[in-house]
Amino acid sequence: MIRNPLQAQDHVVSERKRREKLSQLFIALSKVLPGLKKLDKASLLGDAIKYVQDLQERLRILEEEAKEANRNSITNYSATSYSIPTMNSSSSKESSINGSTRESFPAEIKARISNKNVLIKICYKKHKGLVSRIQYEMEKLHLNVLDIRAMPFGSSTLDITILAEMKSEFCGDGGGNCSAARDGFSE
C-alpha cells in the first residue's frame, strides 16, 4: 500500500500525538506511584505493576478482617427446648419463687445480637396474653422492644419475631447479675 504525501503527513501527526499522550500518561503514572527510583518507562511500568499487586493484597487482607469483624459482631444464641412459664390457672402447674403458679410450654428460641441490636425468634404454643408477657420479660431484661410481630403457624403455634435494642442495663450477660429478670424464662 502506497500512501500519498497528505496521508503520510496525517500519519506522522497522529503518531506524534499518540507518543505525546503516552508520555503524559507515564508522567501522570509516575506522580501517583510512591517511592520511584527510576523514571524510565520499563521501570515505571514494573513498579506500577508491583504497586497494584500490593494494593490488591492489602485489599484482600482488609476484606478478610472486615468479614471476621462482622462475624464477631453478630452473635447467635439458640435454645431449642426452652420452657416459657405463663401466669395461668391451668392443670399442669409449677410453683414459682413468690408462690404464684405458672404453666409451662416448650418453645424454640433463637437470638442474634449485633452491637446493641437483638433479633429474637420464638416458636411457641398459642397462648392468651403471650405477647404482653413477652413484652414484660423483655423489659425485665432491659431490652427496649422496637418491633414485635406474631404470626400463626399451624393451628396451635405462634411464630414471634422481636426486634429489640439493649439498654445500658442489659441483663443478658449470663453472669448472674440479673437473675430476677431471667426467672421468667427457665430451661
Protein backbone atom coordinates (compact mmCIF):
# COMPACT_ATOMS: atom_id res chain seq x y z
CA MET A 1 0.00 0.00 0.00
CA ILE A 2 1.42 3.30 -1.05
CA ARG A 3 0.43 6.48 0.75
CA ASN A 4 0.17 9.83 -0.84
CA PRO A 5 2.08 12.69 0.85
CA LEU A 6 -1.06 14.01 2.58
CA GLN A 7 -1.82 10.61 4.14
CA ALA A 8 1.80 10.24 5.23
CA GLN A 9 1.72 13.67 6.87
CA ASP A 10 -1.55 12.77 8.72
CA HIS A 11 0.03 9.52 9.89
CA VAL A 12 3.11 11.32 11.23
CA VAL A 13 0.95 13.88 13.08
CA SER A 14 -1.32 11.23 14.61
CA GLU A 15 1.71 9.12 15.63
CA ARG A 16 3.30 12.18 17.27
CA LYS A 17 0.04 12.85 19.21
CA ARG A 18 -0.10 9.21 20.33
CA ARG A 19 3.52 9.31 21.60
CA GLU A 20 2.87 12.65 23.35
CA LYS A 21 -0.24 11.24 25.03
CA LEU A 22 1.72 8.16 26.15
CA SER A 23 4.43 10.40 27.58
CA GLN A 24 1.83 12.43 29.50
CA LEU A 25 0.29 9.21 30.88
CA PHE A 26 3.73 7.95 32.00
CA ILE A 27 4.33 11.29 33.75
CA ALA A 28 0.90 11.06 35.45
CA LEU A 29 1.64 7.47 36.48
CA SER A 30 5.00 8.48 37.95
CA LYS A 31 3.25 11.10 40.08
CA VAL A 32 0.85 8.61 41.72
CA LEU A 33 3.37 5.83 42.40
CA PRO A 34 5.20 6.21 45.71
CA GLY A 35 8.92 5.56 46.06
CA LEU A 36 10.02 5.55 42.42
CA LYS A 37 13.75 5.18 41.93
CA LYS A 38 13.98 5.16 38.14
CA LEU A 39 11.88 7.10 35.70
CA ASP A 40 12.46 5.08 32.52
CA LYS A 41 9.28 3.59 31.05
CA ALA A 42 10.13 -0.06 31.71
CA SER A 43 10.96 0.56 35.40
CA LEU A 44 7.89 2.75 35.75
CA LEU A 45 5.61 0.01 34.39
CA GLY A 46 7.29 -2.65 36.55
CA ASP A 47 6.87 -0.51 39.68
CA ALA A 48 3.24 0.22 38.77
CA ILE A 49 2.50 -3.50 38.41
CA LYS A 50 4.13 -4.26 41.77
CA TYR A 51 2.25 -1.39 43.45
CA VAL A 52 -1.13 -2.56 42.09
CA GLN A 53 -0.39 -6.13 43.25
CA ASP A 54 0.48 -4.82 46.73
CA LEU A 55 -2.78 -2.84 46.82
CA GLN A 56 -4.75 -5.93 45.77
CA GLU A 57 -3.14 -7.95 48.57
CA ARG A 58 -3.90 -5.23 51.13
CA LEU A 59 -7.50 -5.11 49.90
CA ARG A 60 -7.82 -8.89 50.27
CA ILE A 61 -6.46 -8.73 53.84
CA LEU A 62 -8.76 -5.83 54.78
CA GLU A 63 -11.79 -7.64 53.34
CA GLU A 64 -10.92 -10.75 55.38
CA GLU A 65 -10.53 -8.62 58.52
CA ALA A 66 -13.88 -6.94 57.83
CA LYS A 67 -15.57 -10.33 57.38
CA GLU A 68 -14.02 -11.57 60.63
CA ALA A 69 -15.09 -8.41 62.46
CA ASN A 70 -18.60 -8.81 61.07
CA ARG A 71 -18.70 -12.45 62.19
CA ASN A 72 -17.57 -11.41 65.65
CA SER A 73 -20.10 -8.57 65.92
CA ILE A 74 -23.06 -10.85 65.25
CA THR A 75 -23.55 -13.46 67.94
CA ASN A 76 -26.05 -16.26 67.59
CA TYR A 77 -27.80 -17.87 70.53
CA SER A 78 -30.08 -20.81 70.13
CA ALA A 79 -32.13 -22.87 72.52
CA THR A 80 -34.37 -25.50 71.03
CA SER A 81 -36.16 -26.58 74.17
CA TYR A 82 -36.98 -23.69 76.47
CA SER A 83 -40.00 -23.67 78.73
CA ILE A 84 -41.64 -20.31 78.96
CA PRO A 85 -43.82 -20.00 82.05
CA THR A 86 -47.15 -18.23 81.85
CA MET A 87 -49.34 -16.90 84.59
CA ASN A 88 -52.28 -19.28 84.30
CA SER A 89 -54.52 -21.39 86.46
CA SER A 90 -54.37 -24.49 84.27
CA SER A 91 -53.90 -28.12 85.32
CA SER A 92 -50.14 -28.57 84.66
CA LYS A 93 -48.64 -26.01 87.04
CA GLU A 94 -45.27 -25.26 88.59
CA SER A 95 -44.66 -23.25 91.73
CA SER A 96 -42.66 -20.11 91.35
CA ILE A 97 -40.44 -18.48 93.92
CA ASN A 98 -43.02 -15.96 95.05
CA GLY A 99 -45.76 -18.57 95.47
CA SER A 100 -47.78 -17.88 92.31
CA THR A 101 -48.37 -20.71 89.89
CA ARG A 102 -47.20 -20.88 86.32
CA GLU A 103 -47.98 -23.10 83.38
CA SER A 104 -45.04 -24.03 81.20
CA PHE A 105 -44.97 -24.71 77.44
CA PRO A 106 -41.91 -25.70 75.38
CA ALA A 107 -40.63 -23.05 72.97
CA GLU A 108 -37.92 -22.76 70.38
CA ILE A 109 -35.99 -19.52 70.86
CA LYS A 110 -33.22 -18.15 68.64
CA ALA A 111 -31.48 -14.82 69.18
CA ARG A 112 -28.96 -12.85 67.15
CA ILE A 113 -27.04 -9.97 68.67
CA SER A 114 -25.25 -7.32 66.64
CA ASN A 115 -23.82 -4.40 68.61
CA LYS A 116 -26.81 -3.20 70.68
CA ASN A 117 -29.47 -4.76 68.45
CA VAL A 118 -31.14 -8.06 69.29
CA LEU A 119 -33.28 -10.13 66.93
CA ILE A 120 -35.27 -12.84 68.71
CA LYS A 121 -37.37 -15.52 67.04
CA ILE A 122 -39.71 -17.59 69.19
CA CYS A 123 -41.82 -20.51 68.04
CA TYR A 124 -44.33 -21.13 70.83
CA LYS A 125 -47.68 -22.74 71.53
CA LYS A 126 -50.50 -20.19 71.17
CA HIS A 127 -51.48 -18.77 74.49
CA LYS A 128 -53.68 -15.87 75.55
CA GLY A 129 -51.61 -12.93 76.78
CA LEU A 130 -48.37 -14.37 75.43
CA VAL A 131 -47.25 -11.26 73.53
CA SER A 132 -47.82 -8.99 76.52
CA ARG A 133 -45.92 -11.50 78.71
CA ILE A 134 -43.01 -11.42 76.27
CA GLN A 135 -43.06 -7.62 76.33
CA TYR A 136 -42.91 -7.74 80.15
CA GLU A 137 -39.98 -10.19 80.10
CA MET A 138 -38.09 -8.02 77.59
CA GLU A 139 -38.48 -5.02 79.90
CA LYS A 140 -37.16 -7.08 82.83
CA LEU A 141 -34.09 -7.93 80.73
CA HIS A 142 -33.66 -4.20 79.95
CA LEU A 143 -34.38 -4.67 76.26
CA ASN A 144 -36.21 -1.86 74.51
CA VAL A 145 -38.63 -3.59 72.10
CA LEU A 146 -38.64 -1.76 68.76
CA ASP A 147 -40.93 -4.14 66.89
CA ILE A 148 -42.79 -7.35 67.68
CA ARG A 149 -44.56 -9.48 65.10
CA ALA A 150 -46.63 -12.57 65.82
CA MET A 151 -47.71 -14.85 63.03
CA PRO A 152 -49.78 -18.03 63.41
CA PHE A 153 -48.03 -21.23 62.37
CA GLY A 154 -50.41 -24.14 62.11
CA SER A 155 -53.46 -24.21 64.34
CA SER A 156 -51.78 -24.05 67.74
CA THR A 157 -48.39 -22.35 67.31
CA LEU A 158 -47.19 -18.75 67.07
CA ASP A 159 -44.03 -17.64 65.32
CA ILE A 160 -42.93 -14.43 67.04
CA THR A 161 -40.17 -12.13 65.82
CA ILE A 162 -38.89 -9.40 68.13
CA LEU A 163 -36.50 -6.60 67.25
CA ALA A 164 -35.08 -5.03 70.40
CA GLU A 165 -32.29 -2.73 71.46
CA MET A 166 -30.15 -3.30 74.54
CA LYS A 167 -30.40 -0.62 77.17
CA SER A 168 -27.28 0.21 79.16
CA GLU A 169 -28.59 -2.00 81.99
CA PHE A 170 -29.00 -5.05 79.67
CA CYS A 171 -29.20 -8.28 81.66
CA GLY A 172 -28.23 -10.84 79.06
CA ASP A 173 -24.63 -11.22 80.17
CA GLY A 174 -25.11 -14.66 81.69
CA GLY A 175 -23.09 -13.57 84.71
CA GLY A 176 -25.99 -13.78 87.14
CA ASN A 177 -26.29 -10.04 87.63
CA CYS A 178 -29.95 -10.08 86.64
CA SER A 179 -31.21 -13.40 87.90
CA ALA A 180 -34.55 -11.89 88.87
CA ALA A 181 -35.09 -10.83 85.27
CA ARG A 182 -34.23 -14.27 83.98
CA ASP A 183 -36.52 -16.09 86.44
CA GLY A 184 -39.37 -15.63 83.97
CA PHE A 185 -37.60 -17.82 81.39
CA SER A 186 -36.49 -21.18 82.74
CA GLU A 187 -34.91 -24.12 80.95
